Amino acid sequence: MDNYSKSELKKDKENSRSANQNKNGKKQSIKDEIKFLIKGLNNEDGLIRRSHSEALAHLGKAALPELINVLLHSKNVIQRRSAAKTLKLVADPKALPYLIKALTNDSDSVVQFSAAGAIAIFGEDAVNHLIKVLESQEHTEMQYGLAAWCLEFIGAKAPNAIKRAAQSNNINVRSAGISALEEHIRNSQDKDAIQLVKNAVDDSAENVQIEAIKLVGKLYRIELFIPILISKLNSKNENMRKASILSLMQLNATEAISPLRDLLKIEQNKNVRKIIKLAIKKLIAKN
C-alpha cells in the first residue's frame, strides 16, 4: 500500500508539473499572439489592421495592457488610432482613464476622435470622466466638443447622470448636459428634464440658453416653449436669434409668422435675414 501511495504521489507531482508547464506554455503562446497582433495594427492595409483588431478583441482583457501601452506610447500614429478603435471592441471599462488621456493629450485629431468613439460606449461609467474634461480649462475646443458629443451619445442610457450634469455650476458641463437630454425627453417626456430645459432657456450663460433653444426645436412640440422662443427673437445675441428662428421653424410654430415679419423689418444681419425669410416661407406653407 505504501509503495502504491508513493507511486501515485510521484505520478501526481509529474502530472501537476506537466499541467503547469502546459499552462505557462499557453500563457506564453497568448502573449506571443498578442505581440504579433499588436504589431499588425500599424499595417498600411486597412483590412489587415481590422482583422488584427478583431482578433485582439476576441482575446479580450488579456490584450488590454498591450493595447493601452500602444495607445499612449506608440510613435506610430496609425497604430495609436487602431489601438483606440480596438479598445472600443474590447469594451472593458478599465480602459476608460487611458482613453480619456488619449482624447485630451494625443497630438493626432483622429486618435482623439477614435478615443471619443470608444469612450461613448461605456454609458454611465464614462459620464464623470467626461465631466472632468469639460470642467478643465486646459483643453481645446475640439476636445470639449468631443466630450460633449460623448455625453449626447450616452444620453438616455444614463438619464440621472445627464440631469445632474445639466444642473452643474460649470457652464461647459451644463451646456453639454442640456444638449444630451434630447433622447431621454423624447422617450420618456420626463417632466423634471423638461423643467431643466425651461430653466436653461433663461440661463445666466448665453451658451447654455442657445443649446436649450436648439434642443427645443429638436423635440416634439411643447406648448410652453413657443412663447419663450418668440420672446428670444428680440435677443441682442445673433446666434440666439438664429437658434430661436430655426427652432420655431422646426416646430411648425405658425403663430411666429407675425413676430418674424416684425423682426425682418429691423434685422441688420444678412445671414439672420435669410433665415427669417426661409422660416416665414415654410411656416406660411404649413399654415
Protein backbone atom coordinates (compact mmCIF):
# COMPACT_ATOMS: atom_id res chain seq x y z
CA MET A 1 0.00 0.00 0.00
CA ASP A 2 2.86 2.37 0.87
CA ASN A 3 4.60 1.64 -2.41
CA TYR A 4 1.36 2.25 -4.23
CA SER A 5 0.88 5.57 -2.45
CA LYS A 6 4.40 6.71 -3.22
CA SER A 7 3.93 5.74 -6.86
CA GLU A 8 0.66 7.65 -7.09
CA LEU A 9 2.16 10.66 -5.35
CA LYS A 10 5.06 10.71 -7.79
CA LYS A 11 2.63 10.47 -10.70
CA ASP A 12 0.51 13.32 -9.28
CA LYS A 13 3.59 15.53 -8.99
CA GLU A 14 4.58 14.75 -12.55
CA ASN A 15 1.06 15.46 -13.79
CA SER A 16 1.00 18.72 -11.84
CA ARG A 17 4.38 19.75 -13.25
CA SER A 18 3.22 18.90 -16.74
CA ALA A 19 -0.02 20.86 -16.25
CA ASN A 20 1.91 23.92 -15.02
CA GLN A 21 4.23 23.69 -17.98
CA ASN A 22 1.26 23.48 -20.33
CA LYS A 23 -0.38 26.43 -18.55
CA ASN A 24 2.77 28.52 -18.73
CA GLY A 25 3.25 27.49 -22.31
CA LYS A 26 -0.31 28.56 -23.11
CA LYS A 27 0.22 31.92 -21.38
CA GLN A 28 3.39 32.49 -23.36
CA SER A 29 1.60 31.48 -26.54
CA ILE A 30 -1.14 34.08 -25.88
CA LYS A 31 1.49 36.76 -25.13
CA ASP A 32 3.25 35.97 -28.39
CA GLU A 33 -0.05 36.08 -30.27
CA ILE A 34 -0.90 39.47 -28.73
CA LYS A 35 2.51 40.90 -29.68
CA PHE A 36 2.05 39.66 -33.24
CA LEU A 37 -1.45 41.11 -33.48
CA ILE A 38 -0.39 44.43 -31.91
CA LYS A 39 2.37 44.77 -34.49
CA GLY A 40 -0.24 44.33 -37.23
CA LEU A 41 -2.15 47.40 -36.03
CA ASN A 42 0.33 49.61 -37.89
CA ASN A 43 -0.06 47.75 -41.20
CA GLU A 44 -0.79 50.06 -44.14
CA ASP A 45 -3.57 47.74 -45.32
CA GLY A 46 -6.79 48.68 -43.54
CA LEU A 47 -8.29 45.19 -43.93
CA ILE A 48 -5.27 43.62 -42.23
CA ARG A 49 -5.48 46.16 -39.39
CA ARG A 50 -9.17 45.36 -38.99
CA SER A 51 -8.55 41.60 -38.82
CA HIS A 52 -5.82 42.09 -36.19
CA SER A 53 -8.10 44.41 -34.24
CA GLU A 54 -10.94 41.88 -34.22
CA ALA A 55 -8.58 39.09 -33.16
CA LEU A 56 -7.33 41.22 -30.24
CA ALA A 57 -10.91 42.00 -29.27
CA HIS A 58 -11.61 38.25 -29.22
CA LEU A 59 -8.75 37.83 -26.73
CA GLY A 60 -10.45 40.44 -24.55
CA LYS A 61 -8.92 41.52 -21.24
CA ALA A 62 -5.67 39.67 -21.92
CA ALA A 63 -4.92 42.19 -24.68
CA LEU A 64 -5.76 45.25 -22.58
CA PRO A 65 -2.28 46.11 -21.15
CA GLU A 66 -0.59 45.99 -24.55
CA LEU A 67 -3.36 47.97 -26.24
CA ILE A 68 -3.18 50.68 -23.56
CA ASN A 69 0.59 50.83 -23.86
CA VAL A 70 0.34 51.29 -27.63
CA LEU A 71 -2.44 53.87 -27.32
CA LEU A 72 -0.40 56.06 -25.00
CA HIS A 73 3.18 55.43 -26.09
CA SER A 74 3.44 54.22 -29.69
CA LYS A 75 5.24 56.64 -32.01
CA ASN A 76 3.24 55.23 -34.93
CA VAL A 77 0.05 57.27 -35.31
CA ILE A 78 -1.75 54.56 -37.31
CA GLN A 79 -1.08 52.09 -34.50
CA ARG A 80 -2.44 54.52 -31.88
CA ARG A 81 -5.59 55.08 -33.94
CA SER A 82 -6.07 51.33 -34.31
CA ALA A 83 -5.49 50.76 -30.59
CA ALA A 84 -8.27 53.22 -29.71
CA LYS A 85 -10.67 51.52 -32.14
CA THR A 86 -9.72 48.09 -30.76
CA LEU A 87 -10.35 49.19 -27.17
CA LYS A 88 -13.87 50.04 -28.29
CA LEU A 89 -14.28 46.43 -29.45
CA VAL A 90 -12.78 45.03 -26.23
CA ALA A 91 -15.31 47.16 -24.29
CA ASP A 92 -13.60 46.91 -20.89
CA PRO A 93 -14.31 49.94 -18.61
CA LYS A 94 -10.77 49.65 -17.19
CA ALA A 95 -9.62 51.31 -20.40
CA LEU A 96 -11.64 54.48 -19.71
CA PRO A 97 -8.97 56.58 -17.91
CA TYR A 98 -6.48 55.80 -20.68
CA LEU A 99 -8.94 56.64 -23.44
CA ILE A 100 -9.63 59.96 -21.70
CA LYS A 101 -5.88 60.58 -21.62
CA ALA A 102 -5.67 59.89 -25.35
CA LEU A 103 -8.63 62.21 -26.00
CA THR A 104 -7.03 65.07 -24.09
CA ASN A 105 -3.31 64.51 -24.77
CA ASP A 106 -2.73 62.87 -28.14
CA SER A 107 -1.46 65.23 -30.82
CA ASP A 108 -3.43 63.50 -33.58
CA SER A 109 -7.06 64.53 -34.08
CA VAL A 110 -8.04 61.09 -35.46
CA VAL A 111 -6.75 59.41 -32.30
CA GLN A 112 -8.83 61.88 -30.28
CA PHE A 113 -11.94 61.09 -32.38
CA SER A 114 -11.33 57.33 -32.09
CA ALA A 115 -10.85 57.60 -28.33
CA ALA A 116 -14.13 59.54 -28.05
CA GLY A 117 -15.91 56.86 -30.05
CA ALA A 118 -14.65 54.24 -27.60
CA ILE A 119 -15.46 56.32 -24.50
CA ALA A 120 -19.07 56.83 -25.59
CA ILE A 121 -19.95 53.11 -25.46
CA PHE A 122 -19.35 52.91 -21.71
CA GLY A 123 -22.50 54.84 -20.82
CA GLU A 124 -22.86 55.99 -17.23
CA ASP A 125 -19.36 54.74 -16.34
CA ALA A 126 -17.95 57.39 -18.67
CA VAL A 127 -20.01 60.38 -17.51
CA ASN A 128 -17.83 61.51 -14.58
CA HIS A 129 -14.68 61.18 -16.70
CA LEU A 130 -16.26 63.37 -19.40
CA ILE A 131 -17.43 65.95 -16.88
CA LYS A 132 -13.84 66.34 -15.66
CA VAL A 133 -12.76 67.06 -19.23
CA LEU A 134 -15.49 69.68 -19.65
CA GLU A 135 -14.66 71.28 -16.30
CA SER A 136 -10.98 71.66 -17.14
CA GLN A 137 -9.63 74.84 -18.71
CA GLU A 138 -6.67 73.06 -20.28
CA HIS A 139 -8.26 71.52 -23.37
CA THR A 140 -9.04 72.59 -26.93
CA GLU A 141 -12.46 73.50 -28.29
CA MET A 142 -12.42 70.27 -30.30
CA GLN A 143 -11.75 68.21 -27.17
CA TYR A 144 -14.60 69.94 -25.34
CA GLY A 145 -16.79 69.26 -28.38
CA LEU A 146 -15.88 65.57 -28.41
CA ALA A 147 -16.59 65.24 -24.69
CA ALA A 148 -19.98 66.93 -25.20
CA TRP A 149 -20.70 64.60 -28.14
CA CYS A 150 -19.94 61.60 -25.92
CA LEU A 151 -22.45 62.83 -23.33
CA GLU A 152 -25.04 63.32 -26.07
CA PHE A 153 -24.40 59.79 -27.37
CA ILE A 154 -24.79 58.38 -23.85
CA GLY A 155 -27.99 60.41 -23.32
CA ALA A 156 -30.91 58.18 -22.38
CA LYS A 157 -28.60 55.37 -21.24
CA ALA A 158 -27.73 57.41 -18.14
CA PRO A 159 -30.58 59.93 -17.65
CA ASN A 160 -29.94 60.67 -13.96
CA ALA A 161 -26.26 61.36 -14.54
CA ILE A 162 -27.09 63.57 -17.52
CA LYS A 163 -29.69 65.51 -15.49
CA ARG A 164 -27.08 66.12 -12.79
CA ALA A 165 -24.69 67.41 -15.46
CA ALA A 166 -27.43 69.75 -16.74
CA GLN A 167 -27.51 71.36 -13.27
CA SER A 168 -23.74 71.74 -12.90
CA ASN A 169 -22.19 75.01 -11.77
CA ASN A 170 -19.81 74.72 -14.70
CA ILE A 171 -21.09 76.33 -17.92
CA ASN A 172 -19.46 73.77 -20.25
CA VAL A 173 -20.90 70.84 -18.30
CA ARG A 174 -24.34 72.47 -18.00
CA SER A 175 -24.46 73.22 -21.72
CA ALA A 176 -23.43 69.67 -22.69
CA GLY A 177 -25.84 68.15 -20.17
CA ILE A 178 -28.80 70.11 -21.58
CA SER A 179 -27.95 69.11 -25.14
CA ALA A 180 -27.69 65.45 -24.08
CA LEU A 181 -31.26 65.36 -22.72
CA GLU A 182 -32.88 65.10 -26.15
CA GLU A 183 -33.27 61.32 -26.43
CA HIS A 184 -34.36 60.93 -22.80
CA ILE A 185 -37.09 63.60 -23.08
CA ARG A 186 -38.23 62.23 -26.43
CA ASN A 187 -38.52 58.71 -24.99
CA SER A 188 -39.93 59.48 -21.55
CA GLN A 189 -41.45 63.00 -21.55
CA ASP A 190 -39.74 63.35 -18.16
CA LYS A 191 -41.26 66.48 -16.54
CA ASP A 192 -38.15 67.13 -14.44
CA ALA A 193 -35.96 67.04 -17.54
CA ILE A 194 -38.34 69.36 -19.41
CA GLN A 195 -38.18 71.77 -16.47
CA LEU A 196 -34.38 71.70 -16.67
CA VAL A 197 -34.61 72.74 -20.32
CA LYS A 198 -37.09 75.51 -19.44
CA ASN A 199 -34.68 76.81 -16.80
CA ALA A 200 -31.80 76.60 -19.26
CA VAL A 201 -33.59 78.76 -21.84
CA ASP A 202 -33.20 81.61 -19.35
CA ASP A 203 -29.81 80.53 -18.02
CA SER A 204 -27.32 83.19 -16.93
CA ALA A 205 -24.92 81.91 -19.61
CA GLU A 206 -25.89 82.63 -23.23
CA ASN A 207 -24.18 79.44 -24.46
CA VAL A 208 -26.46 77.37 -22.25
CA GLN A 209 -29.50 79.32 -23.46
CA ILE A 210 -28.58 78.66 -27.09
CA GLU A 211 -28.13 74.91 -26.50
CA ALA A 212 -31.51 74.78 -24.76
CA ILE A 213 -33.19 76.68 -27.62
CA LYS A 214 -31.64 74.31 -30.18
CA LEU A 215 -32.84 71.33 -28.15
CA VAL A 216 -36.41 72.64 -28.00
CA GLY A 217 -36.52 72.66 -31.80
CA LYS A 218 -35.48 69.01 -31.94
CA LEU A 219 -38.22 67.83 -29.59
CA TYR A 220 -41.92 67.25 -30.18
CA ARG A 221 -43.91 70.46 -29.83
CA ILE A 222 -44.20 71.52 -26.18
CA GLU A 223 -46.62 74.45 -25.95
CA LEU A 224 -44.94 76.24 -23.06
CA PHE A 225 -41.80 76.76 -25.15
CA ILE A 226 -43.40 78.55 -28.12
CA PRO A 227 -43.91 81.98 -26.46
CA ILE A 228 -40.46 81.69 -24.88
CA LEU A 229 -38.85 81.11 -28.29
CA ILE A 230 -40.79 84.02 -29.77
CA SER A 231 -39.53 86.29 -26.97
CA LYS A 232 -35.94 85.22 -27.79
CA LEU A 233 -36.31 86.76 -31.27
CA ASN A 234 -35.58 90.08 -29.56
CA SER A 235 -32.23 88.93 -28.18
CA LYS A 236 -29.18 91.08 -28.86
CA ASN A 237 -27.21 87.87 -29.49
CA GLU A 238 -27.46 86.98 -33.19
CA ASN A 239 -26.72 83.30 -32.53
CA MET A 240 -29.61 83.20 -30.09
CA ARG A 241 -31.89 84.82 -32.67
CA LYS A 242 -30.77 82.27 -35.28
CA ALA A 243 -31.36 79.34 -32.94
CA SER A 244 -34.81 80.67 -31.98
CA ILE A 245 -35.87 81.18 -35.61
CA LEU A 246 -34.71 77.69 -36.62
CA SER A 247 -36.42 76.05 -33.65
CA LEU A 248 -39.70 77.85 -34.36
CA MET A 249 -39.47 76.69 -37.98
CA GLN A 250 -38.73 73.09 -36.92
CA LEU A 251 -41.73 73.13 -34.59
CA ASN A 252 -44.02 74.49 -37.33
CA ALA A 253 -44.94 77.34 -34.98
CA THR A 254 -47.21 79.29 -37.35
CA GLU A 255 -48.01 81.75 -34.55
CA ALA A 256 -44.44 83.02 -35.01
CA ILE A 257 -45.10 84.31 -38.56
CA SER A 258 -46.12 87.81 -37.44
CA PRO A 259 -43.22 88.23 -34.93
CA LEU A 260 -40.81 87.02 -37.61
CA ARG A 261 -42.13 89.59 -40.07
CA ASP A 262 -41.65 92.27 -37.42
CA LEU A 263 -38.10 91.08 -36.86
CA LEU A 264 -37.37 91.12 -40.58
CA LYS A 265 -38.16 94.86 -40.68
CA ILE A 266 -35.38 95.68 -38.22
CA GLU A 267 -32.86 92.83 -38.60
CA GLN A 268 -29.48 94.09 -39.86
CA ASN A 269 -27.53 90.81 -40.09
CA LYS A 270 -27.68 89.39 -43.63
CA ASN A 271 -27.45 85.74 -42.54
CA VAL A 272 -30.17 86.16 -39.96
CA ARG A 273 -32.38 87.88 -42.55
CA LYS A 274 -32.01 84.89 -44.89
CA ILE A 275 -33.04 82.51 -42.11
CA ILE A 276 -36.05 84.68 -41.23
CA LYS A 277 -37.24 84.70 -44.85
CA LEU A 278 -36.83 80.91 -45.10
CA ALA A 279 -38.72 80.38 -41.83
CA ILE A 280 -41.61 82.65 -42.88
CA LYS A 281 -41.89 80.87 -46.25
CA LYS A 282 -42.00 77.43 -44.63
CA LEU A 283 -44.40 78.43 -41.88
CA ILE A 284 -46.81 80.04 -44.36
CA ALA A 285 -46.75 76.81 -46.37
CA LYS A 286 -47.71 74.91 -43.20
CA ASN A 287 -50.45 77.39 -42.26
